[in-house]
Amino acid sequence: MYLFELFLLILLVTIILWSIRSGKSVVLDEPIIIHRPGQYHITLAPQLKRAQTFIEQIAKQFALSPAPPGDLPSLYFEVRDPQVFAEGKTCYLLAVAWRGGMLYFQAINPQPLRADADTSNDPSTTLRTGLAGVGGQPGQMASGSVSSSIGQLKTLREFSEAVLALHPLTGPMNAAEAEHLHAAVEWVANQSMVTVKILDEIG
């Protein structure tokens, strides 16, 4: 009997430790994968199906310009789209990259941050480790502190890099051409009454 209780105790501690450790990155239980060969590859959180239209419009707009030479660095955005309501949240996070002549998109929900824990109404604050690429008006700034923005950028970047690990760089990184990709995102956002805010290290 003692051994059985000891086994249960060890099992319980293991589960708790696993849950704590796994809070460091994002997993999508059943990610939505949309692949159009030679055009784009999209990885969506299950709750973000409605974001597909906006993302595909970005791909369509970007395709109107000549394909840039080399690969482009990833761009990270906070998106507020009145057509998308992600688990009661007001925005979602979007990463966009150009690799080997194809666009890669990853969209996930904002993750609870320590600084936001007291004000969040979402009881689910544990993220599990793993891998699977909003109301407002144009020009409206997203709410949240600088530390929150940086935390969300880190979460999105780690998830995006995990997805893109399956699609490695095919040539030199062409950072100078990334502005064309940014412009395509902004143009579609303005046309669609969607607010986008680029995420960077200074929030």
N, C-alpha and C. Protein backbone atom coordinates (compact mmCIF):
# COMPACT_ATOMS: atom_id res chain seq x y z
N MET A 1 0.83 -1.21 0.00
CA MET A 1 0.00 0.00 0.00
C MET A 1 0.86 1.26 0.00
N TYR A 2 1.93 1.23 0.77
CA TYR A 2 2.84 2.38 0.84
C TYR A 2 3.44 2.66 -0.53
N LEU A 3 3.84 1.62 -1.24
CA LEU A 3 4.45 1.79 -2.56
C LEU A 3 3.45 2.40 -3.54
N PHE A 4 2.21 1.98 -3.44
CA PHE A 4 1.18 2.52 -4.34
C PHE A 4 0.98 4.01 -4.10
N GLU A 5 0.93 4.43 -2.82
CA GLU A 5 0.77 5.85 -2.50
C GLU A 5 1.98 6.65 -2.95
N LEU A 6 3.16 6.07 -2.79
CA LEU A 6 4.38 6.74 -3.25
C LEU A 6 4.36 6.93 -4.76
N PHE A 7 3.91 5.90 -5.45
CA PHE A 7 3.81 5.98 -6.92
C PHE A 7 2.85 7.09 -7.34
N LEU A 8 1.70 7.17 -6.67
CA LEU A 8 0.73 8.23 -6.99
C LEU A 8 1.30 9.62 -6.73
N LEU A 9 2.03 9.75 -5.64
CA LEU A 9 2.64 11.03 -5.31
C LEU A 9 3.66 11.44 -6.37
N ILE A 10 4.51 10.50 -6.77
CA ILE A 10 5.51 10.79 -7.81
C ILE A 10 4.82 11.16 -9.12
N LEU A 11 3.76 10.43 -9.46
CA LEU A 11 3.02 10.72 -10.69
C LEU A 11 2.41 12.12 -10.65
N LEU A 12 1.83 12.50 -9.52
CA LEU A 12 1.22 13.82 -9.37
C LEU A 12 2.26 14.93 -9.50
N VAL A 13 3.41 14.77 -8.84
CA VAL A 13 4.48 15.77 -8.92
C VAL A 13 4.99 15.89 -10.35
N THR A 14 5.12 14.75 -11.03
CA THR A 14 5.59 14.77 -12.42
C THR A 14 4.64 15.54 -13.31
N ILE A 15 3.33 15.32 -13.13
CA ILE A 15 2.33 16.04 -13.94
C ILE A 15 2.39 17.54 -13.67
N ILE A 16 2.53 17.93 -12.41
CA ILE A 16 2.60 19.36 -12.07
C ILE A 16 3.84 20.00 -12.68
N LEU A 17 4.99 19.33 -12.55
CA LEU A 17 6.23 19.86 -13.12
C LEU A 17 6.14 19.96 -14.63
N TRP A 18 5.54 18.97 -15.26
CA TRP A 18 5.40 19.00 -16.72
C TRP A 18 4.53 20.18 -17.15
N SER A 19 3.46 20.42 -16.38
CA SER A 19 2.56 21.54 -16.70
C SER A 19 3.28 22.88 -16.57
N ILE A 20 4.10 23.03 -15.53
CA ILE A 20 4.84 24.28 -15.32
C ILE A 20 5.86 24.48 -16.42
N ARG A 21 6.63 23.44 -16.71
CA ARG A 21 7.65 23.54 -17.75
C ARG A 21 7.04 23.85 -19.10
N SER A 22 5.90 23.25 -19.37
CA SER A 22 5.30 23.40 -20.70
C SER A 22 4.64 24.75 -20.90
N GLY A 23 4.66 25.62 -19.90
CA GLY A 23 4.08 26.94 -20.05
C GLY A 23 4.96 27.91 -20.81
N LYS A 24 6.06 27.44 -21.39
CA LYS A 24 7.02 28.34 -22.02
C LYS A 24 6.76 28.58 -23.49
N SER A 25 6.01 27.74 -24.16
CA SER A 25 5.75 27.96 -25.57
C SER A 25 4.37 27.46 -25.94
N VAL A 26 4.04 27.61 -27.23
CA VAL A 26 2.67 27.44 -27.68
C VAL A 26 2.52 26.14 -28.45
N VAL A 27 1.40 25.47 -28.23
CA VAL A 27 1.03 24.34 -29.08
C VAL A 27 -0.38 24.60 -29.59
N LEU A 28 -0.61 24.20 -30.81
CA LEU A 28 -1.95 24.24 -31.36
C LEU A 28 -2.45 22.81 -31.39
N ASP A 29 -3.49 22.52 -30.61
CA ASP A 29 -3.98 21.15 -30.51
C ASP A 29 -4.33 20.59 -31.88
N GLU A 30 -5.09 21.35 -32.65
CA GLU A 30 -5.46 20.93 -34.00
C GLU A 30 -5.29 22.12 -34.93
N PRO A 31 -4.05 22.45 -35.30
CA PRO A 31 -3.83 23.63 -36.14
C PRO A 31 -4.48 23.47 -37.50
N ILE A 32 -4.91 24.59 -38.04
CA ILE A 32 -5.47 24.61 -39.39
C ILE A 32 -4.31 24.92 -40.34
N ILE A 33 -4.02 24.00 -41.22
CA ILE A 33 -2.93 24.16 -42.18
C ILE A 33 -3.52 24.35 -43.56
N ILE A 34 -3.19 25.46 -44.20
CA ILE A 34 -3.66 25.75 -45.56
C ILE A 34 -2.43 25.92 -46.44
N HIS A 35 -2.30 25.06 -47.42
CA HIS A 35 -1.10 25.07 -48.26
C HIS A 35 -1.51 25.21 -49.73
N ARG A 36 -0.99 26.25 -50.36
CA ARG A 36 -1.18 26.45 -51.80
C ARG A 36 0.21 26.41 -52.42
N PRO A 37 0.59 25.29 -53.04
CA PRO A 37 1.96 25.13 -53.57
C PRO A 37 2.37 26.30 -54.45
N GLY A 38 3.56 26.82 -54.15
CA GLY A 38 4.09 27.94 -54.92
C GLY A 38 3.49 29.29 -54.57
N GLN A 39 2.53 29.33 -53.64
CA GLN A 39 1.89 30.59 -53.29
C GLN A 39 2.06 30.91 -51.79
N TYR A 40 1.43 30.10 -50.94
CA TYR A 40 1.52 30.40 -49.51
C TYR A 40 1.24 29.16 -48.68
N HIS A 41 1.68 29.26 -47.41
CA HIS A 41 1.46 28.22 -46.42
C HIS A 41 1.00 28.93 -45.14
N ILE A 42 -0.17 28.54 -44.63
CA ILE A 42 -0.76 29.21 -43.48
C ILE A 42 -0.93 28.21 -42.34
N THR A 43 -0.51 28.60 -41.14
CA THR A 43 -0.76 27.83 -39.93
C THR A 43 -1.61 28.69 -39.01
N LEU A 44 -2.83 28.24 -38.74
CA LEU A 44 -3.77 29.01 -37.93
C LEU A 44 -4.12 28.28 -36.65
N ALA A 45 -4.28 29.03 -35.57
CA ALA A 45 -4.89 28.47 -34.37
C ALA A 45 -6.33 28.09 -34.72
N PRO A 46 -6.86 27.03 -34.13
CA PRO A 46 -8.21 26.57 -34.49
C PRO A 46 -9.29 27.64 -34.38
N GLN A 47 -9.12 28.59 -33.45
CA GLN A 47 -10.14 29.61 -33.24
C GLN A 47 -10.04 30.76 -34.25
N LEU A 48 -9.05 30.71 -35.12
CA LEU A 48 -8.80 31.85 -36.02
C LEU A 48 -9.14 31.53 -37.48
N LYS A 49 -10.11 30.67 -37.70
CA LYS A 49 -10.47 30.30 -39.07
C LYS A 49 -10.87 31.52 -39.90
N ARG A 50 -11.52 32.48 -39.25
CA ARG A 50 -11.99 33.65 -39.99
C ARG A 50 -10.85 34.57 -40.43
N ALA A 51 -9.67 34.37 -39.88
CA ALA A 51 -8.52 35.18 -40.31
C ALA A 51 -8.01 34.77 -41.68
N GLN A 52 -8.46 33.62 -42.18
CA GLN A 52 -7.96 33.12 -43.46
C GLN A 52 -8.19 34.12 -44.59
N THR A 53 -9.36 34.76 -44.63
CA THR A 53 -9.67 35.70 -45.71
C THR A 53 -8.68 36.86 -45.74
N PHE A 54 -8.43 37.47 -44.59
CA PHE A 54 -7.49 38.58 -44.51
C PHE A 54 -6.09 38.15 -44.95
N ILE A 55 -5.65 36.99 -44.49
CA ILE A 55 -4.31 36.50 -44.81
C ILE A 55 -4.18 36.21 -46.31
N GLU A 56 -5.20 35.59 -46.88
CA GLU A 56 -5.13 35.29 -48.31
C GLU A 56 -5.15 36.55 -49.16
N GLN A 57 -5.82 37.60 -48.66
CA GLN A 57 -5.80 38.89 -49.37
C GLN A 57 -4.39 39.50 -49.36
N ILE A 58 -3.66 39.31 -48.25
CA ILE A 58 -2.28 39.78 -48.18
C ILE A 58 -1.44 39.06 -49.23
N ALA A 59 -1.59 37.75 -49.32
CA ALA A 59 -0.84 36.97 -50.32
C ALA A 59 -1.17 37.44 -51.73
N LYS A 60 -2.43 37.71 -51.98
CA LYS A 60 -2.86 38.17 -53.31
C LYS A 60 -2.26 39.53 -53.63
N GLN A 61 -2.26 40.44 -52.67
CA GLN A 61 -1.70 41.77 -52.88
C GLN A 61 -0.20 41.71 -53.10
N PHE A 62 0.50 40.91 -52.29
CA PHE A 62 1.95 40.79 -52.42
C PHE A 62 2.33 40.20 -53.77
N ALA A 63 1.50 39.33 -54.31
CA ALA A 63 1.79 38.68 -55.59
C ALA A 63 1.72 39.65 -56.77
N LEU A 64 1.11 40.82 -56.55
CA LEU A 64 1.02 41.81 -57.63
C LEU A 64 2.37 42.46 -57.93
N SER A 65 3.29 42.40 -56.97
CA SER A 65 4.63 42.98 -57.15
C SER A 65 5.59 41.88 -57.61
N PRO A 66 6.68 42.28 -58.29
CA PRO A 66 7.67 41.27 -58.68
C PRO A 66 8.22 40.53 -57.46
N ALA A 67 8.44 39.25 -57.59
CA ALA A 67 8.95 38.45 -56.48
C ALA A 67 10.33 38.97 -56.07
N PRO A 68 10.54 39.23 -54.78
CA PRO A 68 11.84 39.74 -54.33
C PRO A 68 12.91 38.65 -54.42
N PRO A 69 14.15 39.06 -54.72
CA PRO A 69 15.22 38.07 -54.71
C PRO A 69 15.58 37.65 -53.29
N GLY A 70 15.92 36.41 -53.11
CA GLY A 70 16.30 35.94 -51.78
C GLY A 70 15.09 35.81 -50.86
N ASP A 71 15.35 35.52 -49.61
CA ASP A 71 14.30 35.36 -48.60
C ASP A 71 14.15 36.65 -47.80
N LEU A 72 12.95 36.86 -47.28
CA LEU A 72 12.68 38.04 -46.46
C LEU A 72 12.57 37.65 -44.99
N PRO A 73 13.02 38.53 -44.10
CA PRO A 73 12.88 38.24 -42.66
C PRO A 73 11.42 38.27 -42.26
N SER A 74 11.10 37.58 -41.19
CA SER A 74 9.73 37.54 -40.69
C SER A 74 9.31 38.89 -40.14
N LEU A 75 8.06 39.24 -40.38
CA LEU A 75 7.45 40.43 -39.80
C LEU A 75 6.37 39.96 -38.83
N TYR A 76 6.22 40.67 -37.72
CA TYR A 76 5.30 40.25 -36.66
C TYR A 76 4.29 41.36 -36.38
N PHE A 77 3.01 40.99 -36.34
CA PHE A 77 1.95 41.97 -36.19
C PHE A 77 0.95 41.57 -35.11
N GLU A 78 0.36 42.59 -34.50
CA GLU A 78 -0.85 42.42 -33.71
C GLU A 78 -1.99 42.88 -34.61
N VAL A 79 -3.01 42.05 -34.78
CA VAL A 79 -4.09 42.32 -35.73
C VAL A 79 -5.41 42.44 -34.98
N ARG A 80 -6.14 43.52 -35.28
CA ARG A 80 -7.48 43.72 -34.72
C ARG A 80 -8.46 43.75 -35.90
N ASP A 81 -9.26 42.69 -35.98
CA ASP A 81 -10.14 42.50 -37.12
C ASP A 81 -11.57 42.29 -36.61
N PRO A 82 -12.52 43.15 -37.00
CA PRO A 82 -13.90 43.00 -36.51
C PRO A 82 -14.56 41.70 -36.94
N GLN A 83 -13.99 41.02 -37.94
CA GLN A 83 -14.55 39.75 -38.40
C GLN A 83 -14.01 38.55 -37.64
N VAL A 84 -13.01 38.78 -36.79
CA VAL A 84 -12.36 37.68 -36.08
C VAL A 84 -12.49 37.91 -34.58
N PHE A 85 -13.00 36.94 -33.89
CA PHE A 85 -13.11 37.03 -32.43
C PHE A 85 -12.47 35.79 -31.86
N ALA A 86 -11.24 35.93 -31.40
CA ALA A 86 -10.44 34.81 -30.93
C ALA A 86 -10.68 34.56 -29.45
N GLU A 87 -11.56 33.62 -29.13
CA GLU A 87 -11.82 33.23 -27.75
C GLU A 87 -12.12 34.43 -26.85
N GLY A 88 -12.90 35.37 -27.36
CA GLY A 88 -13.26 36.53 -26.57
C GLY A 88 -12.20 37.61 -26.54
N LYS A 89 -11.07 37.39 -27.17
CA LYS A 89 -10.00 38.38 -27.19
C LYS A 89 -10.28 39.40 -28.28
N THR A 90 -9.57 40.51 -28.25
CA THR A 90 -9.82 41.57 -29.22
C THR A 90 -8.81 41.59 -30.35
N CYS A 91 -7.80 40.72 -30.30
CA CYS A 91 -6.78 40.73 -31.35
C CYS A 91 -6.16 39.34 -31.46
N TYR A 92 -5.38 39.15 -32.52
CA TYR A 92 -4.56 37.96 -32.65
C TYR A 92 -3.19 38.36 -33.15
N LEU A 93 -2.24 37.44 -33.12
CA LEU A 93 -0.87 37.70 -33.51
C LEU A 93 -0.58 37.01 -34.84
N LEU A 94 0.09 37.74 -35.73
CA LEU A 94 0.35 37.23 -37.08
C LEU A 94 1.82 37.41 -37.45
N ALA A 95 2.44 36.34 -37.92
CA ALA A 95 3.81 36.39 -38.44
C ALA A 95 3.76 36.12 -39.94
N VAL A 96 4.57 36.86 -40.70
CA VAL A 96 4.61 36.71 -42.16
C VAL A 96 6.06 36.64 -42.60
N ALA A 97 6.38 35.68 -43.46
CA ALA A 97 7.74 35.56 -43.98
C ALA A 97 7.69 35.10 -45.43
N TRP A 98 8.80 35.34 -46.14
CA TRP A 98 8.95 34.92 -47.55
C TRP A 98 10.14 33.99 -47.62
N ARG A 99 9.88 32.74 -47.97
CA ARG A 99 10.93 31.73 -48.04
C ARG A 99 10.84 30.95 -49.35
N GLY A 100 11.92 30.89 -50.09
CA GLY A 100 11.95 30.06 -51.29
C GLY A 100 10.84 30.34 -52.28
N GLY A 101 10.50 31.61 -52.44
CA GLY A 101 9.47 31.97 -53.40
C GLY A 101 8.05 31.73 -52.92
N MET A 102 7.84 31.59 -51.62
CA MET A 102 6.51 31.35 -51.09
C MET A 102 6.32 32.10 -49.78
N LEU A 103 5.09 32.54 -49.53
CA LEU A 103 4.76 33.23 -48.29
C LEU A 103 4.37 32.22 -47.21
N TYR A 104 4.81 32.52 -45.98
CA TYR A 104 4.46 31.69 -44.82
C TYR A 104 3.81 32.58 -43.77
N PHE A 105 2.63 32.17 -43.32
CA PHE A 105 1.88 32.90 -42.31
C PHE A 105 1.64 31.99 -41.10
N GLN A 106 1.75 32.57 -39.90
CA GLN A 106 1.37 31.87 -38.68
C GLN A 106 0.52 32.83 -37.84
N ALA A 107 -0.66 32.37 -37.43
CA ALA A 107 -1.55 33.21 -36.63
C ALA A 107 -1.93 32.47 -35.36
N ILE A 108 -1.73 33.12 -34.21
CA ILE A 108 -2.06 32.53 -32.92
C ILE A 108 -2.78 33.56 -32.06
N ASN A 109 -3.42 33.07 -31.01
CA ASN A 109 -4.05 33.96 -30.03
C ASN A 109 -2.99 34.61 -29.15
N PRO A 110 -3.24 35.82 -28.65
CA PRO A 110 -2.35 36.39 -27.63
C PRO A 110 -2.31 35.45 -26.43
N GLN A 111 -1.14 35.32 -25.82
CA GLN A 111 -0.99 34.42 -24.69
C GLN A 111 -0.99 35.22 -23.38
N PRO A 112 -1.56 34.67 -22.31
CA PRO A 112 -1.56 35.38 -21.03
C PRO A 112 -0.14 35.63 -20.55
N LEU A 113 0.14 36.86 -20.19
CA LEU A 113 1.46 37.23 -19.69
C LEU A 113 1.37 37.50 -18.20
N ARG A 114 2.49 37.35 -17.51
CA ARG A 114 2.50 37.56 -16.06
C ARG A 114 1.99 38.95 -15.71
N ALA A 115 2.38 39.96 -16.50
CA ALA A 115 1.97 41.33 -16.20
C ALA A 115 0.48 41.53 -16.40
N ASP A 116 -0.15 40.66 -17.23
CA ASP A 116 -1.57 40.82 -17.53
C ASP A 116 -2.44 39.88 -16.70
N ALA A 117 -1.84 39.04 -15.89
CA ALA A 117 -2.59 37.96 -15.24
C ALA A 117 -3.71 38.49 -14.36
N ASP A 118 -3.49 39.63 -13.68
CA ASP A 118 -4.49 40.13 -12.74
C ASP A 118 -5.70 40.71 -13.45
N THR A 119 -5.50 41.16 -14.71
CA THR A 119 -6.60 41.80 -15.42
C THR A 119 -7.24 40.89 -16.44
N SER A 120 -6.70 39.70 -16.62
CA SER A 120 -7.26 38.79 -17.62
C SER A 120 -8.48 38.07 -17.07
N ASN A 121 -9.52 37.95 -17.92
CA ASN A 121 -10.70 37.19 -17.56
C ASN A 121 -10.60 35.74 -18.03
N ASP A 122 -9.50 35.43 -18.71
CA ASP A 122 -9.32 34.08 -19.24
C ASP A 122 -8.71 33.21 -18.16
N PRO A 123 -9.43 32.19 -17.67
CA PRO A 123 -8.89 31.36 -16.61
C PRO A 123 -7.79 30.43 -17.06
N SER A 124 -7.66 30.26 -18.36
CA SER A 124 -6.64 29.33 -18.86
C SER A 124 -5.35 30.08 -19.09
N THR A 125 -4.37 29.90 -18.23
CA THR A 125 -3.11 30.61 -18.36
C THR A 125 -1.95 29.67 -18.59
N THR A 126 -2.22 28.38 -18.76
CA THR A 126 -1.15 27.41 -18.99
C THR A 126 -1.06 27.09 -20.46
N LEU A 127 0.14 27.20 -21.02
CA LEU A 127 0.38 26.87 -22.41
C LEU A 127 1.18 25.59 -22.46
N ARG A 128 0.86 24.76 -23.42
CA ARG A 128 1.58 23.50 -23.52
C ARG A 128 2.63 23.58 -24.62
N THR A 129 3.75 22.89 -24.40
CA THR A 129 4.87 22.94 -25.33
C THR A 129 4.54 22.19 -26.60
N GLY A 130 4.98 22.73 -27.74
CA GLY A 130 4.80 21.99 -28.98
C GLY A 130 4.87 22.86 -30.20
N LEU A 131 4.53 22.26 -31.36
CA LEU A 131 4.63 22.92 -32.64
C LEU A 131 3.37 22.68 -33.46
N ALA A 132 3.09 23.47 -34.23
CA ALA A 132 2.15 23.10 -35.27
C ALA A 132 2.91 22.38 -36.39
N GLY A 133 2.43 28.62 -39.00
CA GLY A 133 2.29 30.04 -39.69
C GLY A 133 1.12 30.15 -40.04
N VAL A 134 -11.51 41.25 -34.64
CA VAL A 134 -10.75 41.89 -33.59
C VAL A 134 -11.21 43.37 -33.73
N GLY A 135 -11.96 43.94 -32.96
CA GLY A 135 -12.52 45.22 -33.39
C GLY A 135 -11.55 46.36 -33.38
N GLY A 136 -11.81 47.38 -34.12
CA GLY A 136 -10.97 48.57 -34.16
C GLY A 136 -11.04 49.22 -35.51
N GLN A 137 -10.47 50.40 -35.63
CA GLN A 137 -10.44 51.12 -36.89
C GLN A 137 -9.00 51.33 -37.31
N PRO A 138 -8.74 51.48 -38.62
CA PRO A 138 -7.38 51.74 -39.07
C PRO A 138 -6.76 52.91 -38.34
N GLY A 139 -5.53 52.74 -37.90
CA GLY A 139 -4.82 53.80 -37.21
C GLY A 139 -4.94 53.74 -35.71
N GLN A 140 -5.88 52.91 -35.21
CA GLN A 140 -6.06 52.80 -33.76
C GLN A 140 -4.93 52.00 -33.16
N MET A 141 -4.32 52.50 -32.11
CA MET A 141 -3.22 51.79 -31.47
C MET A 141 -3.76 50.70 -30.58
N ALA A 142 -3.05 49.57 -30.55
CA ALA A 142 -3.46 48.46 -29.69
C ALA A 142 -3.15 48.80 -28.24
N SER A 143 -3.99 48.30 -27.34
CA SER A 143 -3.76 48.56 -25.93
C SER A 143 -2.74 47.59 -25.38
N GLY A 144 -2.17 47.92 -24.22
CA GLY A 144 -1.20 47.03 -23.58
C GLY A 144 0.10 47.76 -23.33
N SER A 145 0.85 47.28 -22.37
CA SER A 145 2.11 47.91 -22.02
C SER A 145 3.21 47.50 -22.96
N VAL A 146 4.37 48.19 -22.86
CA VAL A 146 5.52 47.85 -23.67
C VAL A 146 5.99 46.44 -23.35
N SER A 147 6.03 46.10 -22.05
CA SER A 147 6.49 44.78 -21.67
C SER A 147 5.57 43.70 -22.22
N SER A 148 4.24 44.00 -22.28
CA SER A 148 3.29 43.06 -22.83
C SER A 148 3.55 42.85 -24.31
N SER A 149 3.79 43.93 -25.05
CA SER A 149 4.07 43.83 -26.48
C SER A 149 5.33 43.02 -26.74
N ILE A 150 6.34 43.26 -25.94
CA ILE A 150 7.60 42.52 -26.11
C ILE A 150 7.39 41.04 -25.79
N GLY A 151 6.59 40.76 -24.75
CA GLY A 151 6.31 39.37 -24.41
C GLY A 151 5.55 38.66 -25.52
N GLN A 152 4.56 39.35 -26.11
CA GLN A 152 3.80 38.75 -27.20
C GLN A 152 4.69 38.55 -28.43
N LEU A 153 5.59 39.50 -28.68
CA LEU A 153 6.52 39.35 -29.80
C LEU A 153 7.38 38.12 -29.60
N LYS A 154 7.88 37.92 -28.40
CA LYS A 154 8.72 36.76 -28.12
C LYS A 154 7.95 35.45 -28.34
N THR A 155 6.72 35.41 -27.84
CA THR A 155 5.89 34.22 -28.01
C THR A 155 5.64 33.93 -29.49
N LEU A 156 5.26 34.96 -30.24
CA LEU A 156 4.97 34.79 -31.66
C LEU A 156 6.21 34.40 -32.43
N ARG A 157 7.35 35.04 -32.13
CA ARG A 157 8.59 34.74 -32.84
C ARG A 157 9.00 33.28 -32.62
N GLU A 158 8.91 32.82 -31.37
CA GLU A 158 9.31 31.44 -31.08
C GLU A 158 8.42 30.45 -31.82
N PHE A 159 7.13 30.73 -31.84
CA PHE A 159 6.22 29.83 -32.54
C PHE A 159 6.49 29.85 -34.04
N SER A 160 6.67 31.05 -34.59
CA SER A 160 6.94 31.18 -36.02
C SER A 160 8.23 30.47 -36.42
N GLU A 161 9.27 30.65 -35.62
CA GLU A 161 10.55 30.00 -35.94
C GLU A 161 10.44 28.49 -35.86
N ALA A 162 9.60 27.99 -34.95
CA ALA A 162 9.40 26.54 -34.87
C ALA A 162 8.74 26.01 -36.14
N VAL A 163 7.76 26.75 -36.65
CA VAL A 163 7.11 26.34 -37.89
C VAL A 163 8.08 26.45 -39.07
N LEU A 164 8.81 27.56 -39.14
CA LEU A 164 9.71 27.80 -40.27
C LEU A 164 10.93 26.89 -40.24
N ALA A 165 11.18 26.24 -39.12
CA ALA A 165 12.29 25.28 -39.08
C ALA A 165 12.07 24.18 -40.10
N LEU A 166 10.82 23.93 -40.44
CA LEU A 166 10.49 22.94 -41.46
C LEU A 166 10.65 23.48 -42.87
N HIS A 167 10.89 24.80 -42.96
CA HIS A 167 11.04 25.46 -44.26
C HIS A 167 12.25 26.39 -44.18
N PRO A 168 13.46 25.83 -44.18
CA PRO A 168 14.66 26.63 -43.94
C PRO A 168 14.94 27.64 -45.05
N LEU A 169 15.81 28.58 -44.74
CA LEU A 169 16.21 29.60 -45.71
C LEU A 169 16.78 28.94 -46.95
N THR A 170 16.45 29.53 -48.10
CA THR A 170 16.95 28.98 -49.36
C THR A 170 18.02 29.86 -49.99
N GLY A 171 18.27 31.01 -49.41
CA GLY A 171 19.26 31.94 -49.95
C GLY A 171 19.55 33.04 -48.95
N PRO A 172 20.23 34.07 -49.40
CA PRO A 172 20.55 35.18 -48.48
C PRO A 172 19.30 35.93 -48.06
N MET A 173 19.32 36.45 -46.85
CA MET A 173 18.20 37.23 -46.32
C MET A 173 18.23 38.63 -46.94
N ASN A 174 17.12 39.05 -47.50
CA ASN A 174 17.03 40.33 -48.19
C ASN A 174 16.16 41.28 -47.36
N ALA A 175 16.76 41.85 -46.31
CA ALA A 175 16.00 42.70 -45.40
C ALA A 175 15.48 43.96 -46.07
N ALA A 176 16.19 44.45 -47.09
CA ALA A 176 15.79 45.69 -47.76
C ALA A 176 14.44 45.56 -48.44
N GLU A 177 14.09 44.35 -48.87
CA GLU A 177 12.82 44.15 -49.58
C GLU A 177 11.65 43.88 -48.64
N ALA A 178 11.92 43.77 -47.34
CA ALA A 178 10.84 43.45 -46.41
C ALA A 178 9.77 44.54 -46.36
N GLU A 179 10.12 45.76 -46.74
CA GLU A 179 9.17 46.85 -46.72
C GLU A 179 8.01 46.59 -47.68
N HIS A 180 8.27 45.87 -48.78
CA HIS A 180 7.20 45.55 -49.73
C HIS A 180 6.18 44.61 -49.10
N LEU A 181 6.66 43.70 -48.28
CA LEU A 181 5.77 42.78 -47.58
C LEU A 181 4.95 43.54 -46.52
N HIS A 182 5.62 44.42 -45.81
CA HIS A 182 4.93 45.26 -44.82
C HIS A 182 3.86 46.11 -45.50
N ALA A 183 4.19 46.67 -46.65
CA ALA A 183 3.24 47.52 -47.37
C ALA A 183 2.01 46.73 -47.81
N ALA A 184 2.20 45.47 -48.21
CA ALA A 184 1.07 44.64 -48.62
C ALA A 184 0.13 44.39 -47.44
N VAL A 185 0.70 44.14 -46.27
CA VAL A 185 -0.12 43.92 -45.07
C VAL A 185 -0.90 45.19 -44.74
N GLU A 186 -0.24 46.34 -44.76
CA GLU A 186 -0.89 47.61 -44.42
C GLU A 186 -1.99 47.95 -45.43
N TRP A 187 -1.72 47.71 -46.71
CA TRP A 187 -2.70 48.05 -47.75
C TRP A 187 -3.97 47.23 -47.57
N VAL A 188 -3.82 45.93 -47.38
CA VAL A 188 -4.99 45.06 -47.21
C VAL A 188 -5.73 45.43 -45.92
N ALA A 189 -4.99 45.75 -44.86
CA ALA A 189 -5.63 46.15 -43.61
C ALA A 189 -6.48 47.39 -43.80
N ASN A 190 -5.96 48.39 -44.50
CA ASN A 190 -6.71 49.63 -44.73
C ASN A 190 -7.96 49.38 -45.58
N GLN A 191 -7.84 48.48 -46.55
CA GLN A 191 -8.98 48.17 -47.40
C GLN A 191 -10.03 47.35 -46.68
N SER A 192 -9.63 46.63 -45.66
CA SER A 192 -10.52 45.68 -44.98
C SER A 192 -11.01 46.19 -43.62
N MET A 193 -10.71 47.44 -43.28
CA MET A 193 -11.07 48.00 -41.97
C MET A 193 -10.48 47.16 -40.83
N VAL A 194 -9.25 46.75 -41.01
CA VAL A 194 -8.52 45.98 -40.01
C VAL A 194 -7.37 46.84 -39.50
N THR A 195 -7.10 46.79 -38.22
CA THR A 195 -5.99 47.52 -37.64
C THR A 195 -4.82 46.58 -37.41
N VAL A 196 -3.65 46.94 -37.92
CA VAL A 196 -2.45 46.14 -37.68
C VAL A 196 -1.40 47.02 -37.00
N LYS A 197 -0.70 46.42 -36.08
CA LYS A 197 0.39 47.10 -35.39
C LYS A 197 1.60 46.18 -35.45
N ILE A 198 2.69 46.68 -36.03
CA ILE A 198 3.89 45.85 -36.12
C ILE A 198 4.51 45.73 -34.73
N LEU A 199 4.92 44.52 -34.39
CA LEU A 199 5.55 44.28 -33.10
C LEU A 199 7.06 44.31 -33.26
N ASP A 200 7.72 45.06 -32.40
CA ASP A 200 9.18 45.11 -32.43
C ASP A 200 9.71 45.15 -31.02
N GLU A 201 11.01 45.22 -30.89
CA GLU A 201 11.64 45.11 -29.56
C GLU A 201 11.33 46.29 -28.65
N ILE A 202 10.89 47.41 -29.22
CA ILE A 202 10.57 48.57 -28.37
C ILE A 202 9.08 48.70 -28.13
N GLY A 203 8.32 47.65 -28.57
CA GLY A 203 6.88 47.64 -28.31
C GLY A 203 6.10 48.53 -29.24
